[in-house]
Amino acid sequence: MEYEWGHSRRFNDYSSYIKRSFDERVQKVSVDAGFSCPNRDGSKGVGGCTFCNNSTFNPSYCGEGNSITHQIETGINFFSPKYKTQHYLAYFQAYSNTYESLEVLKARYQEALNHPKIIGIVIGTRPDCVDDELLGYLAEINKDYHVTIEYGVESTNDATLKRINRGHGFQEGVDAIVKSSKAGLKVGAHLILGLPGESEEDIYNHAREMSKLPLDYLKLHQLQLVRGSVMGEDYLRNPSHIKLYEVDEYIELVVNFLELLNPEIVLERFISQSPRELLIAPKWGLKNFEFVAKVEKRLKDRDTWQGRLFQ
């Protein structure tokens, strides 16, 4: 059986999307460009989101003080022995990568784009850290390079966003995604499934709400509790305060979520893997490809697919 996106997998997967989008192998290399976050420097709040420890995002080559060029070179040297001919997207990942003056942003993005093997940039940021001037500039870059902007939405529920000290509401996410899409950019979003206080029906409503938006791709991950985060330290003191999903429960949750999700939205991932030394719970012991295989098996067992219940 072939589904709407033109292949036999039961969800609209990221690797097939990359193959459709490029005529060569493409790999992301992470970059820590030294940005901060309005939820840490006092403009929105201090201490960051309660789930967050940014050390969980960066590979080891994104060491403090390394230039963008040096980080890209190190990342390419890590990947190139396996695929010598591939090109790369510079992934501005840690903190909020549009949270600076436009002149500073231009300089840091351009340093990445100056590398001969970089064919585009992926910018991870918050929906309350973009404006029309920045989006206009990114639209110009997008004429010559591949530009994707990725928003940490985390939840469509304003009560949850307040509870986790996010510093913005869901409407800011909607506005940023719509504006970015209108500017001609590829747009991604990020959700955490299982945040405190959210029922399964709340989570399924995330699928319905995100399906209404002009999204190119979506990243999901399970709630992970990590050392150095407010939520993680609270869990260590009072484990009963936070419900965590067992792996089979989460697989079922993901399958139900996929059934409701717009089939046009590409799924980049279902889970995230925090460094072992930082992860408190849950400790499933599964690599990403192993989890994907379990989701695919469950989709097949239930004879269902992404978008089956999408309206």
C-alpha atoms as a PDB file:
ATOM      1  CA  MET A   1       0.000   0.000   0.000  1.00  0.00           C
ATOM      2  CA  GLU A   2       1.243   3.482  -0.842  1.00  0.00           C
ATOM      3  CA  TYR A   3       0.153   6.386   1.335  1.00  0.00           C
ATOM      4  CA  GLU A   4      -0.421  10.036   0.492  1.00  0.00           C
ATOM      5  CA  TRP A   5       3.281  10.930   0.645  1.00  0.00           C
ATOM      6  CA  GLY A   6       4.211   8.374  -1.996  1.00  0.00           C
ATOM      7  CA  HIS A   7       5.851   5.481  -0.144  1.00  0.00           C
ATOM      8  CA  SER A   8       4.876   2.450   1.911  1.00  0.00           C
ATOM      9  CA  ARG A   9       5.786   3.675   5.394  1.00  0.00           C
ATOM     10  CA  ARG A  10       2.781   4.416   7.562  1.00  0.00           C
ATOM     11  CA  PHE A  11       3.897   7.889   8.540  1.00  0.00           C
ATOM     12  CA  ASN A  12       5.383  10.823   6.667  1.00  0.00           C
ATOM     13  CA  ASP A  13       9.011  10.248   7.683  1.00  0.00           C
ATOM     14  CA  TYR A  14      11.881  12.736   7.679  1.00  0.00           C
ATOM     15  CA  SER A  15      14.461  10.640   5.823  1.00  0.00           C
ATOM     16  CA  SER A  16      12.109  10.258   2.838  1.00  0.00           C
ATOM     17  CA  TYR A  17      11.359  13.993   3.021  1.00  0.00           C
ATOM     18  CA  ILE A  18      15.099  14.767   2.809  1.00  0.00           C
ATOM     19  CA  LYS A  19      15.455  12.480  -0.218  1.00  0.00           C
ATOM     20  CA  ARG A  20      12.519  14.222  -1.893  1.00  0.00           C
ATOM     21  CA  SER A  21      13.948  17.670  -1.118  1.00  0.00           C
ATOM     22  CA  PHE A  22      17.603  17.182  -2.133  1.00  0.00           C
ATOM     23  CA  ASP A  23      19.397  15.362  -4.901  1.00  0.00           C
ATOM     24  CA  GLU A  24      22.330  14.465  -2.621  1.00  0.00           C
ATOM     25  CA  ARG A  25      22.979  13.207   0.898  1.00  0.00           C
ATOM     26  CA  VAL A  26      22.433  15.968   3.474  1.00  0.00           C
ATOM     27  CA  GLN A  27      23.331  15.905   7.162  1.00  0.00           C
ATOM     28  CA  LYS A  28      22.774  18.449   9.934  1.00  0.00           C
ATOM     29  CA  VAL A  29      25.767  19.640  11.952  1.00  0.00           C
ATOM     30  CA  SER A  30      24.930  21.337  15.251  1.00  0.00           C
ATOM     31  CA  VAL A  31      26.244  24.798  16.059  1.00  0.00           C
ATOM     32  CA  ASP A  32      26.261  26.620  19.387  1.00  0.00           C
ATOM     33  CA  ALA A  33      26.509  30.259  18.334  1.00  0.00           C
ATOM     34  CA  GLY A  34      26.614  31.655  21.863  1.00  0.00           C
ATOM     35  CA  PHE A  35      23.046  32.956  22.060  1.00  0.00           C
ATOM     36  CA  SER A  36      21.009  33.327  25.230  1.00  0.00           C
ATOM     37  CA  CYS A  37      17.269  33.169  25.892  1.00  0.00           C
ATOM     38  CA  PRO A  38      14.722  35.760  27.089  1.00  0.00           C
ATOM     39  CA  ASN A  39      13.589  33.263  29.687  1.00  0.00           C
ATOM     40  CA  ARG A  40      17.061  33.227  31.235  1.00  0.00           C
ATOM     41  CA  ASP A  41      18.438  36.746  30.962  1.00  0.00           C
ATOM     42  CA  GLY A  42      15.567  38.439  32.779  1.00  0.00           C
ATOM     43  CA  SER A  43      13.653  39.978  29.881  1.00  0.00           C
ATOM     44  CA  LYS A  44      10.932  37.295  30.241  1.00  0.00           C
ATOM     45  CA  GLY A  45      12.166  35.400  33.270  1.00  0.00           C
ATOM     46  CA  VAL A  46      15.134  33.737  34.902  1.00  0.00           C
ATOM     47  CA  GLY A  47      16.084  30.108  35.241  1.00  0.00           C
ATOM     48  CA  GLY A  48      14.611  29.051  31.910  1.00  0.00           C
ATOM     49  CA  CYS A  49      11.779  26.624  31.235  1.00  0.00           C
ATOM     50  CA  THR A  50      11.334  24.130  34.054  1.00  0.00           C
ATOM     51  CA  PHE A  51      12.200  21.134  31.807  1.00  0.00           C
ATOM     52  CA  CYS A  52      15.313  22.689  30.282  1.00  0.00           C
ATOM     53  CA  ASN A  53      19.008  22.036  30.580  1.00  0.00           C
ATOM     54  CA  ASN A  54      20.578  23.180  27.303  1.00  0.00           C
ATOM     55  CA  SER A  55      23.550  20.869  27.853  1.00  0.00           C
ATOM     56  CA  THR A  56      21.270  18.066  26.631  1.00  0.00           C
ATOM     57  CA  PHE A  57      21.086  19.613  23.133  1.00  0.00           C
ATOM     58  CA  ASN A  58      24.697  19.939  22.038  1.00  0.00           C
ATOM     59  CA  PRO A  59      27.122  17.331  20.740  1.00  0.00           C
ATOM     60  CA  SER A  60      30.538  17.422  22.405  1.00  0.00           C
ATOM     61  CA  TYR A  61      32.108  19.270  19.465  1.00  0.00           C
ATOM     62  CA  CYS A  62      29.999  22.348  20.280  1.00  0.00           C
ATOM     63  CA  GLY A  63      32.420  23.243  23.051  1.00  0.00           C
ATOM     64  CA  GLU A  64      32.333  26.632  24.682  1.00  0.00           C
ATOM     65  CA  GLY A  65      34.557  29.133  22.909  1.00  0.00           C
ATOM     66  CA  ASN A  66      34.811  27.213  19.628  1.00  0.00           C
ATOM     67  CA  SER A  67      34.054  29.366  16.591  1.00  0.00           C
ATOM     68  CA  ILE A  68      31.134  28.511  14.332  1.00  0.00           C
ATOM     69  CA  THR A  69      33.576  27.545  11.580  1.00  0.00           C
ATOM     70  CA  HIS A  70      35.520  25.288  13.954  1.00  0.00           C
ATOM     71  CA  GLN A  71      32.340  23.563  15.133  1.00  0.00           C
ATOM     72  CA  ILE A  72      31.225  22.968  11.540  1.00  0.00           C
ATOM     73  CA  GLU A  73      34.625  21.543  10.583  1.00  0.00           C
ATOM     74  CA  THR A  74      34.619  19.237  13.593  1.00  0.00           C
ATOM     75  CA  GLY A  75      31.086  18.088  12.865  1.00  0.00           C
ATOM     76  CA  ILE A  76      31.875  17.412   9.213  1.00  0.00           C
ATOM     77  CA  ASN A  77      35.008  15.473  10.196  1.00  0.00           C
ATOM     78  CA  PHE A  78      32.818  13.323  12.444  1.00  0.00           C
ATOM     79  CA  PHE A  79      30.320  12.469   9.682  1.00  0.00           C
ATOM     80  CA  SER A  80      32.475  12.515   6.531  1.00  0.00           C
ATOM     81  CA  PRO A  81      34.294   9.156   6.885  1.00  0.00           C
ATOM     82  CA  LYS A  82      30.977   7.376   6.263  1.00  0.00           C
ATOM     83  CA  TYR A  83      29.616   9.667   3.511  1.00  0.00           C
ATOM     84  CA  LYS A  84      32.386  11.625   1.823  1.00  0.00           C
ATOM     85  CA  THR A  85      30.243  13.345  -0.810  1.00  0.00           C
ATOM     86  CA  GLN A  86      27.388  14.639   1.306  1.00  0.00           C
ATOM     87  CA  HIS A  87      26.570  18.273   2.046  1.00  0.00           C
ATOM     88  CA  TYR A  88      25.456  19.812   5.316  1.00  0.00           C
ATOM     89  CA  LEU A  89      22.940  22.075   6.989  1.00  0.00           C
ATOM     90  CA  ALA A  90      24.246  24.158   9.904  1.00  0.00           C
ATOM     91  CA  TYR A  91      21.831  23.570  12.771  1.00  0.00           C
ATOM     92  CA  PHE A  92      21.721  26.517  15.172  1.00  0.00           C
ATOM     93  CA  GLN A  93      20.310  24.525  18.063  1.00  0.00           C
ATOM     94  CA  ALA A  94      21.179  25.655  21.604  1.00  0.00           C
ATOM     95  CA  TYR A  95      19.076  28.365  23.250  1.00  0.00           C
ATOM     96  CA  SER A  96      17.161  30.916  21.110  1.00  0.00           C
ATOM     97  CA  ASN A  97      19.011  31.450  17.847  1.00  0.00           C
ATOM     98  CA  THR A  98      17.166  34.578  16.739  1.00  0.00           C
ATOM     99  CA  TYR A  99      17.571  36.351  20.071  1.00  0.00           C
ATOM    100  CA  GLU A 100      20.085  39.062  19.141  1.00  0.00           C
ATOM    101  CA  SER A 101      20.318  42.162  16.999  1.00  0.00           C
ATOM    102  CA  LEU A 102      19.866  41.574  13.286  1.00  0.00           C
ATOM    103  CA  GLU A 103      23.479  42.593  12.603  1.00  0.00           C
ATOM    104  CA  VAL A 104      24.808  39.955  15.005  1.00  0.00           C
ATOM    105  CA  LEU A 105      22.465  37.333  13.572  1.00  0.00           C
ATOM    106  CA  LYS A 106      23.566  38.118  10.013  1.00  0.00           C
ATOM    107  CA  ALA A 107      27.240  37.760  10.947  1.00  0.00           C
ATOM    108  CA  ARG A 108      26.768  34.402  12.665  1.00  0.00           C
ATOM    109  CA  TYR A 109      24.514  32.885  10.021  1.00  0.00           C
ATOM    110  CA  GLN A 110      26.840  34.114   7.270  1.00  0.00           C
ATOM    111  CA  GLU A 111      29.884  32.556   8.933  1.00  0.00           C
ATOM    112  CA  ALA A 112      28.143  29.200   8.656  1.00  0.00           C
ATOM    113  CA  LEU A 113      26.991  29.782   5.083  1.00  0.00           C
ATOM    114  CA  ASN A 114      30.528  30.707   4.024  1.00  0.00           C
ATOM    115  CA  HIS A 115      31.647  27.111   4.527  1.00  0.00           C
ATOM    116  CA  PRO A 116      31.803  25.387   1.118  1.00  0.00           C
ATOM    117  CA  LYS A 117      29.964  22.266   2.271  1.00  0.00           C
ATOM    118  CA  ILE A 118      27.111  24.136   3.983  1.00  0.00           C
ATOM    119  CA  ILE A 119      24.051  24.449   1.727  1.00  0.00           C
ATOM    120  CA  GLY A 120      21.659  25.919   4.267  1.00  0.00           C
ATOM    121  CA  ILE A 121      20.797  26.645   7.874  1.00  0.00           C
ATOM    122  CA  VAL A 122      18.246  25.336  10.366  1.00  0.00           C
ATOM    123  CA  ILE A 123      17.438  27.840  13.108  1.00  0.00           C
ATOM    124  CA  GLY A 124      15.958  26.659  16.381  1.00  0.00           C
ATOM    125  CA  THR A 125      14.248  29.420  18.336  1.00  0.00           C
ATOM    126  CA  ARG A 126      11.234  30.578  20.332  1.00  0.00           C
ATOM    127  CA  PRO A 127       8.112  31.952  18.636  1.00  0.00           C
ATOM    128  CA  ASP A 128       8.391  35.209  20.596  1.00  0.00           C
ATOM    129  CA  CYS A 129      11.898  35.907  19.238  1.00  0.00           C
ATOM    130  CA  VAL A 130      11.161  36.701  15.576  1.00  0.00           C
ATOM    131  CA  ASP A 131       9.974  39.829  13.815  1.00  0.00           C
ATOM    132  CA  ASP A 132       9.146  40.897  10.264  1.00  0.00           C
ATOM    133  CA  GLU A 133      12.612  42.350   9.616  1.00  0.00           C
ATOM    134  CA  LEU A 134      14.327  39.090  10.513  1.00  0.00           C
ATOM    135  CA  LEU A 135      11.890  37.008   8.475  1.00  0.00           C
ATOM    136  CA  GLY A 136      12.463  39.319   5.499  1.00  0.00           C
ATOM    137  CA  TYR A 137      16.220  38.770   5.789  1.00  0.00           C
ATOM    138  CA  LEU A 138      15.800  34.991   6.036  1.00  0.00           C
ATOM    139  CA  ALA A 139      13.540  35.061   2.972  1.00  0.00           C
ATOM    140  CA  GLU A 140      16.392  36.755   1.054  1.00  0.00           C
ATOM    141  CA  ILE A 141      18.907  34.099   2.155  1.00  0.00           C
ATOM    142  CA  ASN A 142      16.393  31.455   1.176  1.00  0.00           C
ATOM    143  CA  LYS A 143      16.761  32.446  -2.484  1.00  0.00           C
ATOM    144  CA  ASP A 144      20.288  30.967  -2.511  1.00  0.00           C
ATOM    145  CA  TYR A 145      20.311  28.527   0.404  1.00  0.00           C
ATOM    146  CA  HIS A 146      17.929  26.182   2.188  1.00  0.00           C
ATOM    147  CA  VAL A 147      16.532  27.960   5.254  1.00  0.00           C
ATOM    148  CA  THR A 148      14.367  26.279   7.866  1.00  0.00           C
ATOM    149  CA  ILE A 149      13.130  27.875  11.076  1.00  0.00           C
ATOM    150  CA  GLU A 150      12.115  25.592  13.924  1.00  0.00           C
ATOM    151  CA  TYR A 151       9.950  26.782  16.810  1.00  0.00           C
ATOM    152  CA  GLY A 152       9.772  25.370  20.313  1.00  0.00           C
ATOM    153  CA  VAL A 153       6.005  25.344  20.771  1.00  0.00           C
ATOM    154  CA  GLU A 154       6.115  22.555  23.428  1.00  0.00           C
ATOM    155  CA  SER A 155       2.340  22.603  24.111  1.00  0.00           C
ATOM    156  CA  THR A 156      -0.843  24.063  22.645  1.00  0.00           C
ATOM    157  CA  ASN A 157      -2.232  24.493  26.164  1.00  0.00           C
ATOM    158  CA  ASP A 158      -1.648  27.945  27.712  1.00  0.00           C
ATOM    159  CA  ALA A 159      -2.067  26.614  31.261  1.00  0.00           C
ATOM    160  CA  THR A 160       0.765  24.144  30.611  1.00  0.00           C
ATOM    161  CA  LEU A 161       2.989  26.829  29.075  1.00  0.00           C
ATOM    162  CA  LYS A 162       2.500  28.964  32.172  1.00  0.00           C
ATOM    163  CA  ARG A 163       3.168  25.999  34.466  1.00  0.00           C
ATOM    164  CA  ILE A 164       6.515  25.229  32.793  1.00  0.00           C
ATOM    165  CA  ASN A 165       7.571  28.906  32.861  1.00  0.00           C
ATOM    166  CA  ARG A 166       7.657  29.111  29.079  1.00  0.00           C
ATOM    167  CA  GLY A 167       7.090  32.874  28.941  1.00  0.00           C
ATOM    168  CA  HIS A 168       4.741  32.869  25.928  1.00  0.00           C
ATOM    169  CA  GLY A 169       1.365  31.451  24.966  1.00  0.00           C
ATOM    170  CA  PHE A 170       0.302  29.188  22.123  1.00  0.00           C
ATOM    171  CA  GLN A 171      -0.942  32.094  20.011  1.00  0.00           C
ATOM    172  CA  GLU A 172       2.643  33.371  19.667  1.00  0.00           C
ATOM    173  CA  GLY A 173       3.510  29.988  18.204  1.00  0.00           C
ATOM    174  CA  VAL A 174       0.611  30.149  15.746  1.00  0.00           C
ATOM    175  CA  ASP A 175       1.551  33.681  14.653  1.00  0.00           C
ATOM    176  CA  ALA A 176       5.246  32.862  14.178  1.00  0.00           C
ATOM    177  CA  ILE A 177       4.533  29.694  12.169  1.00  0.00           C
ATOM    178  CA  VAL A 178       2.039  31.460   9.886  1.00  0.00           C
ATOM    179  CA  LYS A 179       4.334  34.467   9.285  1.00  0.00           C
ATOM    180  CA  SER A 180       7.345  32.248   8.579  1.00  0.00           C
ATOM    181  CA  SER A 181       5.404  30.138   6.109  1.00  0.00           C
ATOM    182  CA  LYS A 182       4.128  33.258   4.333  1.00  0.00           C
ATOM    183  CA  ALA A 183       7.772  34.403   4.043  1.00  0.00           C
ATOM    184  CA  GLY A 184       8.469  31.232   2.042  1.00  0.00           C
ATOM    185  CA  LEU A 185      10.534  29.485   4.715  1.00  0.00           C
ATOM    186  CA  LYS A 186      10.370  25.823   5.644  1.00  0.00           C
ATOM    187  CA  VAL A 187       8.843  25.701   9.126  1.00  0.00           C
ATOM    188  CA  GLY A 188       9.195  23.120  11.875  1.00  0.00           C
ATOM    189  CA  ALA A 189       7.817  22.870  15.387  1.00  0.00           C
ATOM    190  CA  HIS A 190       8.638  20.962  18.538  1.00  0.00           C
ATOM    191  CA  LEU A 191       6.248  19.426  21.090  1.00  0.00           C
ATOM    192  CA  ILE A 192       6.888  17.622  24.367  1.00  0.00           C
ATOM    193  CA  LEU A 193       4.380  14.865  25.087  1.00  0.00           C
ATOM    194  CA  GLY A 194       3.609  14.191  28.732  1.00  0.00           C
ATOM    195  CA  LEU A 195       4.169  17.573  30.357  1.00  0.00           C
ATOM    196  CA  PRO A 196       2.822  17.763  33.931  1.00  0.00           C
ATOM    197  CA  GLY A 197      -0.912  18.330  34.192  1.00  0.00           C
ATOM    198  CA  GLU A 198      -1.732  17.234  30.633  1.00  0.00           C
ATOM    199  CA  SER A 199      -4.161  14.389  30.014  1.00  0.00           C
ATOM    200  CA  GLU A 200      -3.995  12.114  26.983  1.00  0.00           C
ATOM    201  CA  GLU A 201      -6.906  14.055  25.509  1.00  0.00           C
ATOM    202  CA  ASP A 202      -4.868  17.270  25.900  1.00  0.00           C
ATOM    203  CA  ILE A 203      -2.057  15.585  23.975  1.00  0.00           C
ATOM    204  CA  TYR A 204      -4.393  14.454  21.193  1.00  0.00           C
ATOM    205  CA  ASN A 205      -5.671  18.005  20.988  1.00  0.00           C
ATOM    206  CA  HIS A 206      -2.073  19.080  20.265  1.00  0.00           C
ATOM    207  CA  ALA A 207      -2.271  16.938  17.110  1.00  0.00           C
ATOM    208  CA  ARG A 208      -5.527  18.607  16.082  1.00  0.00           C
ATOM    209  CA  GLU A 209      -4.207  22.134  16.710  1.00  0.00           C
ATOM    210  CA  MET A 210      -0.853  21.602  14.996  1.00  0.00           C
ATOM    211  CA  SER A 211      -2.657  20.078  12.002  1.00  0.00           C
ATOM    212  CA  LYS A 212      -4.332  23.423  11.345  1.00  0.00           C
ATOM    213  CA  LEU A 213      -0.986  25.195  10.842  1.00  0.00           C
ATOM    214  CA  PRO A 214       1.224  25.528   7.720  1.00  0.00           C
ATOM    215  CA  LEU A 215       3.921  23.257   9.171  1.00  0.00           C
ATOM    216  CA  ASP A 216       6.438  21.380   7.075  1.00  0.00           C
ATOM    217  CA  TYR A 217       7.660  19.140   9.860  1.00  0.00           C
ATOM    218  CA  LEU A 218       7.161  18.299  13.514  1.00  0.00           C
ATOM    219  CA  LYS A 219       9.431  16.937  16.234  1.00  0.00           C
ATOM    220  CA  LEU A 220       7.949  15.077  19.161  1.00  0.00           C
ATOM    221  CA  HIS A 221       9.659  13.864  22.244  1.00  0.00           C
ATOM    222  CA  GLN A 222       8.790  12.256  25.524  1.00  0.00           C
ATOM    223  CA  LEU A 223       9.077  14.300  28.683  1.00  0.00           C
ATOM    224  CA  GLN A 224      12.608  13.690  29.956  1.00  0.00           C
ATOM    225  CA  LEU A 225      13.715  14.760  33.399  1.00  0.00           C
ATOM    226  CA  VAL A 226      17.315  15.916  33.435  1.00  0.00           C
ATOM    227  CA  ARG A 227      19.749  17.070  36.070  1.00  0.00           C
ATOM    228  CA  GLY A 228      20.104  20.816  36.279  1.00  0.00           C
ATOM    229  CA  SER A 229      16.464  21.480  35.340  1.00  0.00           C
ATOM    230  CA  VAL A 230      13.841  22.735  37.792  1.00  0.00           C
ATOM    231  CA  MET A 231      11.519  19.864  36.902  1.00  0.00           C
ATOM    232  CA  GLY A 232      14.255  17.253  37.184  1.00  0.00           C
ATOM    233  CA  GLU A 233      15.369  18.416  40.612  1.00  0.00           C
ATOM    234  CA  ASP A 234      11.737  18.502  41.786  1.00  0.00           C
ATOM    235  CA  TYR A 235      11.300  14.916  40.606  1.00  0.00           C
ATOM    236  CA  LEU A 236      14.339  13.800  42.590  1.00  0.00           C
ATOM    237  CA  ARG A 237      12.750  15.271  45.713  1.00  0.00           C
ATOM    238  CA  ASN A 238       9.175  14.125  44.986  1.00  0.00           C
ATOM    239  CA  PRO A 239       8.898  11.444  42.259  1.00  0.00           C
ATOM    240  CA  SER A 240       5.136  11.156  42.728  1.00  0.00           C
ATOM    241  CA  HIS A 241       4.639  14.747  41.489  1.00  0.00           C
ATOM    242  CA  ILE A 242       5.248  13.866  37.824  1.00  0.00           C
ATOM    243  CA  LYS A 243       3.765  10.996  35.787  1.00  0.00           C
ATOM    244  CA  LEU A 244       6.165   9.487  33.276  1.00  0.00           C
ATOM    245  CA  TYR A 245       5.122   7.154  30.474  1.00  0.00           C
ATOM    246  CA  GLU A 246       6.385   3.607  30.211  1.00  0.00           C
ATOM    247  CA  VAL A 247       7.710   2.903  26.741  1.00  0.00           C
ATOM    248  CA  ASP A 248       4.716   0.808  25.589  1.00  0.00           C
ATOM    249  CA  GLU A 249       2.293   3.465  26.878  1.00  0.00           C
ATOM    250  CA  TYR A 250       4.197   6.130  24.963  1.00  0.00           C
ATOM    251  CA  ILE A 251       4.198   4.085  21.754  1.00  0.00           C
ATOM    252  CA  GLU A 252       0.412   3.799  21.973  1.00  0.00           C
ATOM    253  CA  LEU A 253       0.194   7.541  22.645  1.00  0.00           C
ATOM    254  CA  VAL A 254       2.306   8.303  19.558  1.00  0.00           C
ATOM    255  CA  VAL A 255       0.231   6.006  17.328  1.00  0.00           C
ATOM    256  CA  ASN A 256      -3.000   7.657  18.486  1.00  0.00           C
ATOM    257  CA  PHE A 257      -1.394  11.076  17.936  1.00  0.00           C
ATOM    258  CA  LEU A 258      -0.321  10.122  14.406  1.00  0.00           C
ATOM    259  CA  GLU A 259      -3.826   9.015  13.466  1.00  0.00           C
ATOM    260  CA  LEU A 260      -5.094  12.546  14.185  1.00  0.00           C
ATOM    261  CA  LEU A 261      -2.205  14.416  12.570  1.00  0.00           C
ATOM    262  CA  ASN A 262      -2.353  16.058   9.144  1.00  0.00           C
ATOM    263  CA  PRO A 263      -0.605  13.595   6.795  1.00  0.00           C
ATOM    264  CA  GLU A 264       1.178  16.483   5.048  1.00  0.00           C
ATOM    265  CA  ILE A 265       3.288  17.163   8.156  1.00  0.00           C
ATOM    266  CA  VAL A 266       6.650  15.372   8.161  1.00  0.00           C
ATOM    267  CA  LEU A 267       7.602  13.617  11.409  1.00  0.00           C
ATOM    268  CA  GLU A 268      11.266  14.232  12.128  1.00  0.00           C
ATOM    269  CA  ARG A 269      11.377  12.310  15.393  1.00  0.00           C
ATOM    270  CA  PHE A 270       9.257  10.696  18.116  1.00  0.00           C
ATOM    271  CA  ILE A 271      11.731  10.669  20.997  1.00  0.00           C
ATOM    272  CA  SER A 272      14.839  12.471  22.179  1.00  0.00           C
ATOM    273  CA  GLN A 273      17.893  11.054  23.918  1.00  0.00           C
ATOM    274  CA  SER A 274      19.478  13.121  26.663  1.00  0.00           C
ATOM    275  CA  PRO A 275      23.081  12.352  27.663  1.00  0.00           C
ATOM    276  CA  ARG A 276      23.209   9.410  30.055  1.00  0.00           C
ATOM    277  CA  GLU A 277      25.006  11.379  32.733  1.00  0.00           C
ATOM    278  CA  LEU A 278      22.223  14.020  32.785  1.00  0.00           C
ATOM    279  CA  LEU A 279      19.138  11.829  32.358  1.00  0.00           C
ATOM    280  CA  ILE A 280      17.155  11.096  35.505  1.00  0.00           C
ATOM    281  CA  ALA A 281      14.113   9.407  33.923  1.00  0.00           C
ATOM    282  CA  PRO A 282      12.614   7.717  31.982  1.00  0.00           C
ATOM    283  CA  LYS A 283      15.414   5.310  31.119  1.00  0.00           C
ATOM    284  CA  TRP A 284      13.984   3.226  28.297  1.00  0.00           C
ATOM    285  CA  GLY A 285      17.315   2.088  26.874  1.00  0.00           C
ATOM    286  CA  LEU A 286      16.123   2.488  23.280  1.00  0.00           C
ATOM    287  CA  LYS A 287      17.925   4.205  20.453  1.00  0.00           C
ATOM    288  CA  ASN A 288      15.887   6.346  18.079  1.00  0.00           C
ATOM    289  CA  PHE A 289      15.827   3.782  15.236  1.00  0.00           C
ATOM    290  CA  GLU A 290      14.708   1.064  17.662  1.00  0.00           C
ATOM    291  CA  PHE A 291      11.822   3.202  18.850  1.00  0.00           C
ATOM    292  CA  VAL A 292      10.797   4.040  15.269  1.00  0.00           C
ATOM    293  CA  ALA A 293      10.721   0.319  14.466  1.00  0.00           C
ATOM    294  CA  LYS A 294       8.378  -0.278  17.429  1.00  0.00           C
ATOM    295  CA  VAL A 295       6.061   2.537  16.279  1.00  0.00           C
ATOM    296  CA  GLU A 296       5.995   1.131  12.749  1.00  0.00           C
ATOM    297  CA  LYS A 297       5.195  -2.351  14.073  1.00  0.00           C
ATOM    298  CA  ARG A 298       2.351  -0.984  16.198  1.00  0.00           C
ATOM    299  CA  LEU A 299       0.952   0.985  13.242  1.00  0.00           C
ATOM    300  CA  LYS A 300       1.009  -2.209  11.173  1.00  0.00           C
ATOM    301  CA  ASP A 301      -0.514  -4.331  13.956  1.00  0.00           C
ATOM    302  CA  ARG A 302      -3.379  -1.850  14.246  1.00  0.00           C
ATOM    303  CA  ASP A 303      -3.568  -1.399  10.451  1.00  0.00           C
ATOM    304  CA  THR A 304      -3.491   2.370  10.860  1.00  0.00           C
ATOM    305  CA  TRP A 305      -1.412   5.286   9.614  1.00  0.00           C
ATOM    306  CA  GLN A 306      -0.710   8.984  10.001  1.00  0.00           C
ATOM    307  CA  GLY A 307      -3.801  11.016   9.205  1.00  0.00           C
ATOM    308  CA  ARG A 308      -6.300   8.128   9.274  1.00  0.00           C
ATOM    309  CA  LEU A 309      -8.552  10.167  11.580  1.00  0.00           C
ATOM    310  CA  PHE A 310      -7.439  13.602  10.373  1.00  0.00           C
ATOM    311  CA  GLN A 311     -10.305  15.964   9.581  1.00  0.00           C
END
